[in-house]
Amino acid sequence: MSSSMSFERKVSSPQSWEQADPPRAHQIHHHHHPAGGLGHHALLDQEPTELSVLLSHSRNSCSPPAISTPARPRLATFLLCLLVPTVFVCVALSPLALFFSLFPLTVVIGLPIWLSSTILLVISLAWIPYLLFAQDDLPSQSSLLLPFSPIKVLRIVSTLVKHVIIVLRSNWLEIMLDYSYRKIIVIGRNRRTKPAIVSRDIIYAYSDNSRRRNKRLDVYLPPSFSANTARAPVLVFIHPGGWRWFHKSLFLQLGLRLRRLGFCVVIPDFTKFPEGRCEQSARDIRCALRWVSRSIGEYGGDAHRIFLAGHGSGAHLALLTVLESSVAQCLEEYGYPGDAPPAAGVFSHGNGHISSHELELPHIEGMILLSGIYDPIHQLRAEARVGCHQFLALRRALGPSHAITLQNSPAHLLHWAQNFLLPRHLPPKFLIIHGGEDRNVAILQSHFLSTLLENINRHIGSDDQSSCYSPEDAGSSHGGAPKAELKVRFTPLKHLDHLGTLFSLLIADGPHQRQFGYSKLIVDEILSLVG
């Protein structure tokens, strides 16, 4: 790569997180934004022109200031109170008016009522998600973001209907009943037993502002937990939710099922939009992983066997957190390709010494990535085509600008670093699973990621190596030690959709799934990865 890179020293202001970390390993600024059609490599068509490494000399320094979230505009609240009952009225009135419009005597009254109620229903369905989720981070409370284009309104309603159909076709009712049973019977009855199945709401990061903002996690103890038994491998699951929704307690089925398979399962909560952006989420995940490294032995877990997993936006955050740390370690050890190796522990570039200890993570043995978003620009353009990008959180949580979204793209970071990123700085094992019928996140995202990871092995083994590679990294055909390689396994599952990959981990195969058996297949893949 021929683009010139520079390091600049940026010190974030101290805040109240006692164990939080600086959020960024890098900032990639594009002076030219790709435009035009949506090729899968569209975000890679420009080389980064600047690399900035955030640092802090204190463990208490953390991310940029959090988003100020003003109260919902009064007009938005008023419209919500007006449109929600309107939907119910129109749902009841529209078919009734259509029925009366079929008769000659009532067609004069029935047809106009049917047309007006249908139009009002469509507009209401398109506006309600905007009023609920698109008003965060607006310039002022006097402004409202609403769709007025008829084509855009129809696209939004069409997308909402498709997603409702996907949910109804899934085993959502079985999931809800199973969740209620396990929360009330399994967890509730087990609270007084020793040892408990789960240790809940353990604080892994404190805030001086309020107890409510303390970051917590749940630990599902392995089934054979005792002082005399061998430590269980640890699986840290970063839950999905589009960077803004859901709570760790909603995934207790996953924790209970994986603990029965012999894991010590950790499910943390982390900062979500609009409380913070992607930088704060990655900071919290780093802090949770450090807590696991220090304290998981008390819960029967093996701190030397940590596996990091995630689904959807959780897979994006998990991978981004690991890649930031890996790139920072590689650059600290060797410097940018062509530069002399820097002094131990610091970068000496420009006007300051840059420490990367804030981005350090414990050793992660493997990653399990399910239906993840690794190319946010590709995903953002897909959302824009159906009119949902303004009320979904991707653009605002990872951006809001195009350049900042790029720097929060695992695919972009991996592509930029593939010529000098060393396999030994990454987790040695990757399991990537994606459903072939996923309409939310294209399966090409996972295929592209597996290709980028495999390219790291090819670059290490090529003769034309970057100057940052040492002989032990490249291996030796003259009797040296064998080179380290990533073990990447991409498993596409033909008949699974976006929710299917997650639901397959929550509960075992149901009667409607036995012809495919994907739940057992995914579990077998995970157990094979762990070994």
Protein backbone atom coordinates (compact mmCIF):
# COMPACT_ATOMS: atom_id res chain seq x y z
CA MET A 1 0.00 0.00 0.00
CA SER A 2 1.43 3.27 -1.07
CA SER A 3 -0.60 5.81 0.81
CA SER A 4 1.19 7.89 3.38
CA MET A 5 0.13 7.51 6.96
CA SER A 6 0.77 9.69 9.98
CA PHE A 7 0.19 9.30 13.68
CA GLU A 8 -1.26 12.10 15.69
CA ARG A 9 -1.61 12.32 19.39
CA LYS A 10 -5.15 12.85 20.61
CA VAL A 11 -5.85 12.74 24.31
CA SER A 12 -9.46 12.25 25.33
CA SER A 13 -10.79 14.15 28.29
CA PRO A 14 -10.92 12.23 31.57
CA GLN A 15 -14.34 10.96 32.44
CA SER A 16 -15.91 8.91 35.17
CA TRP A 17 -15.27 5.35 34.00
CA GLU A 18 -12.81 3.79 36.43
CA GLN A 19 -11.79 0.91 34.17
CA ALA A 20 -12.79 2.18 30.78
CA ASP A 21 -10.37 2.53 27.91
CA PRO A 22 -9.76 4.93 25.07
CA PRO A 23 -12.11 3.86 22.35
CA ARG A 24 -10.11 4.08 19.18
CA ALA A 25 -7.10 2.31 17.82
CA HIS A 26 -7.27 4.35 14.69
CA GLN A 27 -9.15 6.95 12.76
CA ILE A 28 -9.19 6.59 8.99
CA HIS A 29 -10.11 9.77 7.19
CA HIS A 30 -11.26 9.68 3.59
CA HIS A 31 -10.95 12.86 1.64
CA HIS A 32 -12.97 11.30 -1.17
CA HIS A 33 -16.22 9.49 -0.55
CA PRO A 34 -17.05 6.56 -2.82
CA ALA A 35 -20.19 7.08 -4.78
CA GLY A 36 -22.20 5.30 -7.39
CA GLY A 37 -23.32 1.69 -7.45
CA LEU A 38 -23.11 -0.70 -4.57
CA GLY A 39 -20.26 -3.02 -5.34
CA HIS A 40 -19.23 -5.11 -2.35
CA HIS A 41 -15.75 -3.61 -2.47
CA ALA A 42 -17.06 -0.07 -2.75
CA LEU A 43 -15.75 0.98 0.63
CA LEU A 44 -12.28 -0.23 -0.30
CA ASP A 45 -11.86 1.75 -3.49
CA GLN A 46 -9.92 4.50 -1.74
CA GLU A 47 -6.81 4.19 0.37
CA PRO A 48 -6.79 5.88 3.79
CA THR A 49 -4.78 9.04 3.93
CA GLU A 50 -4.26 9.33 7.66
CA LEU A 51 -4.08 7.01 10.65
CA SER A 52 -4.61 8.53 14.06
CA VAL A 53 -4.07 6.59 17.24
CA LEU A 54 -5.96 7.69 20.29
CA LEU A 55 -4.11 7.37 23.52
CA SER A 56 -4.36 8.13 27.16
CA HIS A 57 -1.80 7.99 29.94
CA SER A 58 -4.48 7.19 32.50
CA ARG A 59 -6.77 4.20 32.88
CA ASN A 60 -9.53 6.65 33.69
CA SER A 61 -9.51 8.35 30.29
CA CYS A 62 -12.11 7.13 27.89
CA SER A 63 -14.04 8.01 24.82
CA PRO A 64 -15.20 11.28 23.28
CA PRO A 65 -18.08 13.02 25.03
CA ALA A 66 -21.29 11.05 25.02
CA ILE A 67 -24.19 12.06 22.85
CA SER A 68 -26.48 14.64 24.36
CA THR A 69 -29.97 13.21 24.10
CA PRO A 70 -32.58 15.94 24.41
CA ALA A 71 -36.11 15.10 25.35
CA ARG A 72 -38.39 13.94 22.56
CA PRO A 73 -39.82 16.95 20.69
CA ARG A 74 -43.33 17.75 21.82
CA LEU A 75 -44.57 17.63 18.26
CA ALA A 76 -43.21 14.10 17.88
CA THR A 77 -44.97 13.01 21.07
CA PHE A 78 -48.20 14.61 19.91
CA LEU A 79 -48.01 12.89 16.51
CA LEU A 80 -47.32 9.54 18.15
CA CYS A 81 -50.36 9.91 20.39
CA LEU A 82 -52.37 10.73 17.27
CA LEU A 83 -51.03 8.09 14.88
CA VAL A 84 -51.01 5.02 17.13
CA PRO A 85 -54.81 5.02 17.66
CA THR A 86 -55.19 5.99 14.00
CA VAL A 87 -53.52 2.72 12.98
CA PHE A 88 -55.99 0.66 14.99
CA VAL A 89 -58.96 2.61 13.65
CA CYS A 90 -57.78 2.28 10.05
CA VAL A 91 -57.03 -1.43 10.43
CA ALA A 92 -60.63 -1.98 11.50
CA LEU A 93 -62.21 0.55 9.12
CA SER A 94 -60.34 -0.22 5.89
CA PRO A 95 -61.60 -3.79 5.28
CA LEU A 96 -65.11 -2.79 6.35
CA ALA A 97 -65.15 0.12 3.90
CA LEU A 98 -63.78 -2.15 1.17
CA PHE A 99 -66.63 -4.57 1.77
CA PHE A 100 -69.28 -1.84 1.43
CA SER A 101 -67.59 -0.46 -1.69
CA LEU A 102 -68.47 -3.71 -3.48
CA PHE A 103 -72.19 -2.87 -3.46
CA PRO A 104 -73.68 -0.30 -5.87
CA LEU A 105 -75.75 1.42 -3.20
CA THR A 106 -72.84 2.01 -0.82
CA VAL A 107 -69.91 2.36 -3.23
CA VAL A 108 -70.14 6.17 -3.20
CA ILE A 109 -69.48 6.18 0.55
CA GLY A 110 -67.44 3.00 0.96
CA LEU A 111 -64.82 3.60 -1.74
CA PRO A 112 -63.65 7.06 -0.57
CA ILE A 113 -63.53 5.84 3.04
CA TRP A 114 -61.50 2.78 2.01
CA LEU A 115 -59.04 4.87 -0.03
CA SER A 116 -58.56 7.52 2.66
CA SER A 117 -58.23 5.00 5.50
CA THR A 118 -55.72 2.91 3.53
CA ILE A 119 -53.59 5.95 2.67
CA LEU A 120 -53.73 7.15 6.27
CA LEU A 121 -52.77 3.66 7.51
CA VAL A 122 -49.76 3.48 5.19
CA ILE A 123 -48.52 6.95 6.19
CA SER A 124 -49.00 6.17 9.89
CA LEU A 125 -47.07 2.90 9.64
CA ALA A 126 -44.17 4.71 7.93
CA TRP A 127 -44.12 7.66 10.32
CA ILE A 128 -44.35 5.80 13.64
CA PRO A 129 -40.85 4.21 13.46
CA TYR A 130 -39.44 7.60 12.44
CA LEU A 131 -41.10 9.32 15.39
CA LEU A 132 -39.86 6.62 17.76
CA PHE A 133 -36.30 6.10 16.58
CA ALA A 134 -35.21 8.81 14.10
CA GLN A 135 -35.43 11.87 16.33
CA ASP A 136 -32.23 11.22 18.31
CA ASP A 137 -29.22 13.38 17.56
CA LEU A 138 -31.17 16.02 15.63
CA PRO A 139 -29.86 19.62 15.40
CA SER A 140 -32.69 21.02 17.53
CA GLN A 141 -35.92 20.04 19.19
CA SER A 142 -37.84 22.17 16.72
CA SER A 143 -36.97 19.86 13.81
CA LEU A 144 -38.59 16.54 12.91
CA LEU A 145 -37.28 13.92 10.53
CA LEU A 146 -40.19 12.34 8.62
CA PRO A 147 -40.61 10.69 5.20
CA PHE A 148 -42.88 12.59 2.81
CA SER A 149 -42.04 10.94 -0.49
CA PRO A 150 -44.81 8.48 -1.47
CA ILE A 151 -42.23 6.07 -2.91
CA LYS A 152 -40.19 6.15 0.27
CA VAL A 153 -43.28 5.64 2.41
CA LEU A 154 -44.26 2.59 0.36
CA ARG A 155 -40.74 1.17 0.62
CA ILE A 156 -40.74 1.57 4.39
CA VAL A 157 -44.13 -0.11 4.80
CA SER A 158 -43.12 -2.91 2.44
CA THR A 159 -39.97 -3.53 4.49
CA LEU A 160 -41.91 -3.51 7.76
CA VAL A 161 -44.44 -6.01 6.38
CA LYS A 162 -41.64 -8.30 5.19
CA HIS A 163 -40.00 -8.24 8.61
CA VAL A 164 -43.30 -8.98 10.33
CA ILE A 165 -43.76 -11.98 8.03
CA ILE A 166 -40.23 -13.18 8.82
CA VAL A 167 -40.92 -12.97 12.55
CA LEU A 168 -44.28 -14.74 12.22
CA ARG A 169 -42.69 -17.53 10.18
CA SER A 170 -40.04 -18.05 12.84
CA ASN A 171 -40.55 -19.99 16.06
CA TRP A 172 -41.02 -16.78 18.05
CA LEU A 173 -43.89 -18.19 20.13
CA GLU A 174 -41.84 -21.21 21.13
CA ILE A 175 -38.94 -18.90 22.00
CA MET A 176 -41.15 -16.72 24.22
CA LEU A 177 -42.72 -19.68 26.05
CA ASP A 178 -39.33 -21.30 26.58
CA TYR A 179 -37.91 -18.00 27.85
CA SER A 180 -40.75 -17.59 30.35
CA TYR A 181 -40.31 -21.16 31.60
CA ARG A 182 -36.57 -20.83 32.09
CA LYS A 183 -36.77 -17.39 33.69
CA ILE A 184 -39.50 -18.36 36.16
CA ILE A 185 -38.84 -22.05 36.82
CA VAL A 186 -35.16 -22.69 36.09
CA ILE A 187 -33.63 -19.37 37.19
CA GLY A 188 -36.23 -18.50 39.82
CA ARG A 189 -36.10 -21.87 41.57
CA ASN A 190 -32.29 -21.91 41.49
CA ARG A 191 -31.71 -18.59 43.26
CA ARG A 192 -31.28 -20.14 46.70
CA THR A 193 -29.18 -23.13 45.67
CA LYS A 194 -25.41 -23.22 46.02
CA PRO A 195 -23.70 -22.95 43.65
CA ALA A 196 -26.17 -20.99 41.58
CA ILE A 197 -26.60 -21.51 37.87
CA VAL A 198 -26.03 -17.84 37.10
CA SER A 199 -24.39 -14.91 38.85
CA ARG A 200 -26.25 -11.83 37.67
CA ASP A 201 -25.50 -8.12 37.43
CA ILE A 202 -21.80 -8.30 38.27
CA ILE A 203 -20.30 -4.83 37.87
CA TYR A 204 -17.28 -4.76 35.57
CA ALA A 205 -17.01 -0.96 35.12
CA TYR A 206 -18.06 1.78 37.52
CA SER A 207 -19.41 5.24 36.84
CA ASP A 208 -19.24 8.12 39.29
CA ASN A 209 -22.30 9.72 37.74
CA SER A 210 -24.90 7.19 38.86
CA ARG A 211 -25.23 3.55 39.82
CA ARG A 212 -27.57 3.09 36.87
CA ARG A 213 -24.70 3.71 34.47
CA ASN A 214 -22.45 1.04 35.99
CA LYS A 215 -21.77 -1.65 33.40
CA ARG A 216 -22.80 -5.15 34.41
CA LEU A 217 -22.58 -8.71 33.14
CA ASP A 218 -24.09 -12.12 33.83
CA VAL A 219 -21.98 -15.25 34.30
CA TYR A 220 -23.55 -18.67 33.66
CA LEU A 221 -21.50 -21.14 35.65
CA PRO A 222 -20.38 -24.42 34.06
CA PRO A 223 -22.41 -27.46 35.18
CA SER A 224 -19.47 -29.10 36.99
CA PHE A 225 -18.38 -25.97 38.84
CA SER A 226 -16.40 -26.75 41.99
CA ALA A 227 -12.97 -26.06 43.40
CA ASN A 228 -11.71 -29.51 42.38
CA THR A 229 -12.90 -29.65 38.76
CA ALA A 230 -11.03 -28.49 35.68
CA ARG A 231 -11.71 -24.98 34.47
CA ALA A 232 -14.24 -24.66 31.66
CA PRO A 233 -13.62 -22.71 28.45
CA VAL A 234 -15.14 -19.23 28.58
CA LEU A 235 -17.54 -17.95 25.92
CA VAL A 236 -18.20 -14.19 25.97
CA PHE A 237 -21.32 -13.39 23.94
CA ILE A 238 -21.86 -9.86 22.60
CA HIS A 239 -25.60 -9.68 22.05
CA PRO A 240 -27.28 -8.15 18.98
CA GLY A 241 -29.79 -5.32 18.90
CA GLY A 242 -28.87 -2.97 16.08
CA TRP A 243 -26.47 -1.04 18.37
CA ARG A 244 -29.39 0.36 20.39
CA TRP A 245 -31.78 -2.34 21.65
CA PHE A 246 -31.98 -5.36 23.96
CA HIS A 247 -30.58 -6.31 27.35
CA LYS A 248 -28.32 -9.14 28.45
CA SER A 249 -31.12 -10.83 30.39
CA LEU A 250 -33.01 -11.53 27.14
CA PHE A 251 -30.35 -14.06 26.19
CA LEU A 252 -30.56 -16.29 29.24
CA GLN A 253 -31.61 -19.22 27.01
CA LEU A 254 -28.31 -18.97 25.18
CA GLY A 255 -26.39 -18.82 28.44
CA LEU A 256 -28.24 -21.79 29.93
CA ARG A 257 -27.85 -23.92 26.83
CA LEU A 258 -24.14 -23.26 26.34
CA ARG A 259 -23.37 -23.83 30.02
CA ARG A 260 -24.94 -27.29 29.70
CA LEU A 261 -22.45 -27.95 26.91
CA GLY A 262 -19.57 -27.26 29.30
CA PHE A 263 -18.91 -23.54 28.84
CA CYS A 264 -18.64 -20.76 31.36
CA VAL A 265 -20.78 -18.16 29.58
CA VAL A 266 -20.42 -14.39 30.05
CA ILE A 267 -23.02 -11.99 28.62
CA PRO A 268 -22.18 -8.31 29.24
CA ASP A 269 -24.26 -5.22 28.77
CA PHE A 270 -22.53 -2.31 27.08
CA THR A 271 -23.17 1.26 26.01
CA LYS A 272 -25.73 1.56 23.24
CA PHE A 273 -27.01 4.35 21.04
CA PRO A 274 -28.15 7.03 21.86
CA GLU A 275 -26.29 6.89 25.20
CA GLY A 276 -23.07 6.53 23.22
CA ARG A 277 -21.66 5.49 19.90
CA CYS A 278 -19.61 2.58 18.64
CA GLU A 279 -16.44 3.86 20.34
CA GLN A 280 -18.02 3.60 23.78
CA SER A 281 -19.39 0.13 23.00
CA ALA A 282 -15.93 -1.14 22.02
CA ARG A 283 -14.45 0.43 25.16
CA ASP A 284 -16.97 -1.43 27.33
CA ILE A 285 -16.28 -4.74 25.58
CA ARG A 286 -12.54 -4.33 26.18
CA CYS A 287 -13.27 -3.63 29.83
CA ALA A 288 -15.50 -6.71 30.09
CA LEU A 289 -12.81 -8.91 28.52
CA ARG A 290 -10.24 -7.63 31.00
CA TRP A 291 -12.63 -8.44 33.83
CA VAL A 292 -13.00 -11.97 32.44
CA SER A 293 -9.23 -12.37 32.32
CA ARG A 294 -8.87 -11.27 35.96
CA SER A 295 -11.91 -12.76 37.65
CA ILE A 296 -13.48 -15.60 35.67
CA GLY A 297 -11.52 -18.21 37.62
CA GLU A 298 -13.78 -17.53 40.60
CA TYR A 299 -16.73 -18.77 38.52
CA GLY A 300 -15.14 -21.93 37.13
CA GLY A 301 -13.87 -20.44 33.87
CA ASP A 302 -10.42 -20.81 32.32
CA ALA A 303 -8.98 -17.34 31.72
CA HIS A 304 -6.53 -18.83 29.21
CA ARG A 305 -9.34 -20.18 27.00
CA ILE A 306 -11.55 -17.25 26.09
CA PHE A 307 -13.81 -17.38 23.03
CA LEU A 308 -15.56 -14.22 21.83
CA ALA A 309 -18.91 -14.59 20.06
CA GLY A 310 -21.52 -12.24 18.66
CA HIS A 311 -24.56 -12.06 16.41
CA GLY A 312 -25.48 -9.26 14.00
CA SER A 313 -24.35 -5.93 15.43
CA GLY A 314 -22.78 -7.88 18.31
CA ALA A 315 -20.54 -9.72 15.84
CA HIS A 316 -19.53 -6.35 14.37
CA LEU A 317 -18.58 -4.95 17.78
CA ALA A 318 -16.73 -8.11 18.82
CA LEU A 319 -14.64 -8.21 15.64
CA LEU A 320 -13.97 -4.46 15.60
CA THR A 321 -12.74 -4.57 19.21
CA VAL A 322 -10.33 -7.41 18.45
CA LEU A 323 -9.05 -5.88 15.20
CA GLU A 324 -8.33 -2.52 16.83
CA SER A 325 -6.25 -4.23 19.48
CA SER A 326 -4.47 -6.47 16.97
CA VAL A 327 -3.53 -3.64 14.62
CA ALA A 328 -2.32 -1.50 17.54
CA GLN A 329 -0.12 -4.35 18.80
CA CYS A 330 1.37 -4.97 15.37
CA LEU A 331 2.11 -1.30 14.76
CA GLU A 332 3.60 -0.90 18.23
CA GLU A 333 5.86 -3.88 17.73
CA TYR A 334 7.07 -3.14 14.22
CA GLY A 335 5.86 0.32 13.32
CA TYR A 336 4.25 1.08 10.00
CA PRO A 337 5.77 -1.07 7.21
CA GLY A 338 9.02 0.52 6.10
CA ASP A 339 9.66 2.28 9.42
CA ALA A 340 12.17 1.13 11.98
CA PRO A 341 10.64 -0.78 14.91
CA PRO A 342 9.68 1.71 17.62
CA ALA A 343 10.83 1.66 21.19
CA ALA A 344 9.13 -0.88 23.37
CA GLY A 345 5.66 0.14 24.46
CA VAL A 346 5.34 3.42 22.59
CA PHE A 347 5.08 4.95 19.14
CA SER A 348 7.48 7.82 18.58
CA HIS A 349 5.76 9.74 15.82
CA GLY A 350 5.42 13.45 15.41
CA ASN A 351 4.79 15.40 18.56
CA GLY A 352 4.12 12.69 21.15
CA HIS A 353 4.62 9.19 22.46
CA ILE A 354 1.61 6.98 21.83
CA SER A 355 0.96 4.06 24.16
CA SER A 356 -1.21 1.17 22.99
CA HIS A 357 -1.62 -0.49 26.39
CA GLU A 358 -5.12 0.96 26.57
CA LEU A 359 -6.14 -1.27 23.65
CA GLU A 360 -4.61 -4.45 25.01
CA LEU A 361 -6.87 -7.47 25.33
CA PRO A 362 -6.36 -10.84 27.01
CA HIS A 363 -5.53 -13.72 24.71
CA ILE A 364 -8.62 -14.79 22.78
CA GLU A 365 -8.46 -18.34 21.50
CA GLY A 366 -11.22 -18.05 18.93
CA MET A 367 -14.11 -15.99 17.56
CA ILE A 368 -17.63 -17.17 16.70
CA LEU A 369 -19.34 -14.69 14.38
CA LEU A 370 -23.00 -15.20 13.48
CA SER A 371 -24.70 -13.22 10.69
CA GLY A 372 -22.49 -10.23 11.39
CA ILE A 373 -22.21 -6.80 9.78
CA TYR A 374 -18.57 -6.38 8.80
CA ASP A 375 -18.98 -3.87 5.96
CA PRO A 376 -21.19 -1.08 7.38
CA ILE A 377 -21.11 0.97 4.18
CA HIS A 378 -22.57 -1.94 2.22
CA GLN A 379 -25.22 -2.43 4.90
CA LEU A 380 -26.02 1.29 5.07
CA ARG A 381 -26.63 1.46 1.33
CA ALA A 382 -28.85 -1.62 1.52
CA GLU A 383 -30.88 0.08 4.26
CA ALA A 384 -31.07 3.29 2.22
CA ARG A 385 -32.57 1.40 -0.72
CA VAL A 386 -35.53 0.33 1.42
CA GLY A 387 -35.83 3.68 3.22
CA CYS A 388 -34.91 2.46 6.71
CA HIS A 389 -31.47 3.99 7.17
CA GLN A 390 -32.73 7.11 8.92
CA PHE A 391 -34.52 5.37 11.80
CA LEU A 392 -32.16 2.42 12.18
CA ALA A 393 -29.11 3.17 14.32
CA LEU A 394 -26.27 2.04 12.05
CA ARG A 395 -25.49 5.43 10.49
CA ARG A 396 -25.65 7.33 13.78
CA ALA A 397 -24.07 4.70 16.04
CA LEU A 398 -21.11 4.05 13.74
CA GLY A 399 -20.90 7.51 12.17
CA PRO A 400 -22.61 9.80 11.66
CA SER A 401 -20.24 10.82 8.83
CA HIS A 402 -19.07 8.56 6.02
CA ALA A 403 -15.44 8.81 7.13
CA ILE A 404 -16.19 7.84 10.73
CA THR A 405 -18.36 4.94 9.56
CA LEU A 406 -15.38 3.72 7.54
CA GLN A 407 -13.10 3.77 10.55
CA ASN A 408 -15.66 1.62 12.39
CA SER A 409 -15.72 -0.92 9.56
CA PRO A 410 -13.95 -4.23 10.37
CA ALA A 411 -13.71 -5.04 6.66
CA HIS A 412 -12.08 -1.71 5.86
CA LEU A 413 -9.62 -1.98 8.75
CA LEU A 414 -8.75 -5.58 7.87
CA HIS A 415 -8.25 -4.68 4.21
CA TRP A 416 -5.99 -1.76 5.11
CA ALA A 417 -3.90 -3.84 7.52
CA GLN A 418 -3.71 -7.14 5.64
CA ASN A 419 -0.22 -6.41 4.27
CA PHE A 420 1.33 -6.07 7.72
CA LEU A 421 -1.12 -7.57 10.24
CA LEU A 422 0.37 -10.70 11.78
CA PRO A 423 -1.69 -13.85 12.46
CA ARG A 424 -0.18 -14.17 15.93
CA HIS A 425 -1.76 -10.84 16.86
CA LEU A 426 -5.21 -12.21 15.98
CA PRO A 427 -7.24 -15.01 17.57
CA PRO A 428 -6.00 -18.22 15.93
CA LYS A 429 -9.49 -19.59 15.19
CA PHE A 430 -12.46 -18.02 13.41
CA LEU A 431 -15.88 -19.60 12.91
CA ILE A 432 -18.13 -17.55 10.62
CA ILE A 433 -21.76 -18.66 10.23
CA HIS A 434 -24.40 -17.01 8.04
CA GLY A 435 -27.84 -17.97 6.76
CA GLY A 436 -28.46 -18.19 3.03
CA GLU A 437 -31.97 -16.72 3.39
CA ASP A 438 -30.82 -13.73 5.44
CA ARG A 439 -32.66 -10.67 4.09
CA ASN A 440 -31.36 -8.33 6.80
CA VAL A 441 -27.63 -8.79 6.30
CA ALA A 442 -26.33 -10.18 3.02
CA ILE A 443 -24.37 -13.43 3.25
CA LEU A 444 -21.70 -11.71 1.12
CA GLN A 445 -20.66 -9.86 4.28
CA SER A 446 -19.46 -13.11 5.88
CA HIS A 447 -17.98 -14.42 2.64
CA PHE A 448 -16.02 -11.20 2.22
CA LEU A 449 -14.73 -11.38 5.79
CA SER A 450 -13.54 -14.97 5.39
CA THR A 451 -11.68 -13.96 2.22
CA LEU A 452 -9.95 -11.06 3.99
CA LEU A 453 -8.89 -13.29 6.88
CA GLU A 454 -7.55 -15.96 4.54
CA ASN A 455 -5.62 -13.27 2.66
CA ILE A 456 -3.58 -12.64 5.81
CA ASN A 457 -2.27 -16.20 5.59
CA ARG A 458 -1.48 -15.72 1.90
CA HIS A 459 0.44 -12.49 2.54
CA ILE A 460 2.50 -14.14 5.28
CA GLY A 461 3.36 -17.02 2.98
CA SER A 462 4.19 -14.89 -0.06
CA ASP A 463 7.72 -14.04 -1.11
CA ASP A 464 6.93 -10.36 -1.47
CA GLN A 465 6.52 -9.61 2.22
CA SER A 466 6.27 -6.31 3.95
CA SER A 467 9.35 -5.20 5.84
CA CYS A 468 7.50 -5.41 9.15
CA TYR A 469 7.50 -9.21 9.05
CA SER A 470 10.12 -10.95 11.10
CA PRO A 471 11.55 -14.32 10.08
CA GLU A 472 9.67 -16.14 12.82
CA ASP A 473 6.36 -14.71 11.55
CA ALA A 474 7.00 -15.69 7.98
CA GLY A 475 8.24 -19.13 8.91
CA SER A 476 11.12 -20.64 7.11
CA SER A 477 11.53 -23.11 4.33
CA HIS A 478 15.12 -23.57 5.51
CA GLY A 479 14.44 -25.44 8.70
CA GLY A 480 12.81 -22.64 10.70
CA ALA A 481 9.74 -22.97 12.88
CA PRO A 482 6.44 -23.34 11.02
CA LYS A 483 4.60 -20.10 10.48
CA ALA A 484 1.48 -19.22 12.46
CA GLU A 485 -1.72 -19.31 10.43
CA LEU A 486 -5.31 -18.38 11.04
CA LYS A 487 -7.83 -21.20 10.99
CA VAL A 488 -10.86 -19.70 9.26
CA ARG A 489 -14.04 -21.72 8.79
CA PHE A 490 -16.96 -20.17 6.91
CA THR A 491 -20.20 -22.15 7.24
CA PRO A 492 -23.11 -20.94 5.07
CA LEU A 493 -26.45 -22.47 6.08
CA LYS A 494 -28.82 -22.45 3.14
CA HIS A 495 -32.27 -22.25 4.75
CA LEU A 496 -31.57 -19.99 7.73
CA ASP A 497 -32.54 -16.32 7.91
CA HIS A 498 -31.09 -13.61 10.14
CA LEU A 499 -33.09 -14.56 13.23
CA GLY A 500 -32.67 -18.26 12.52
CA THR A 501 -28.96 -18.29 13.35
CA LEU A 502 -29.68 -16.71 16.73
CA PHE A 503 -32.78 -18.78 17.50
CA SER A 504 -30.82 -21.95 16.71
CA LEU A 505 -28.55 -21.12 19.64
CA LEU A 506 -31.37 -20.22 22.00
CA ILE A 507 -33.26 -23.51 21.84
CA ALA A 508 -32.76 -26.97 20.35
CA ASP A 509 -34.36 -28.04 17.07
CA GLY A 510 -38.15 -27.98 17.15
CA PRO A 511 -40.52 -30.16 15.13
CA HIS A 512 -40.62 -27.64 12.27
CA GLN A 513 -36.80 -27.56 12.09
CA ARG A 514 -35.97 -31.25 12.14
CA GLN A 515 -35.64 -31.49 8.37
CA PHE A 516 -32.66 -29.15 8.60
CA GLY A 517 -31.27 -29.68 12.12
CA TYR A 518 -29.45 -26.37 12.09
CA SER A 519 -29.43 -25.97 15.86
CA LYS A 520 -27.42 -29.15 16.34
CA LEU A 521 -25.21 -28.26 13.37
CA ILE A 522 -24.28 -24.85 14.80
CA VAL A 523 -23.59 -26.32 18.24
CA ASP A 524 -21.39 -29.02 16.68
CA GLU A 525 -19.46 -26.35 14.78
CA ILE A 526 -18.85 -24.42 18.01
CA LEU A 527 -17.74 -27.54 19.89
CA SER A 528 -15.42 -28.43 17.01
CA LEU A 529 -13.87 -24.96 17.18
CA VAL A 530 -13.27 -25.26 20.91
CA GLY A 531 -11.83 -28.75 20.50
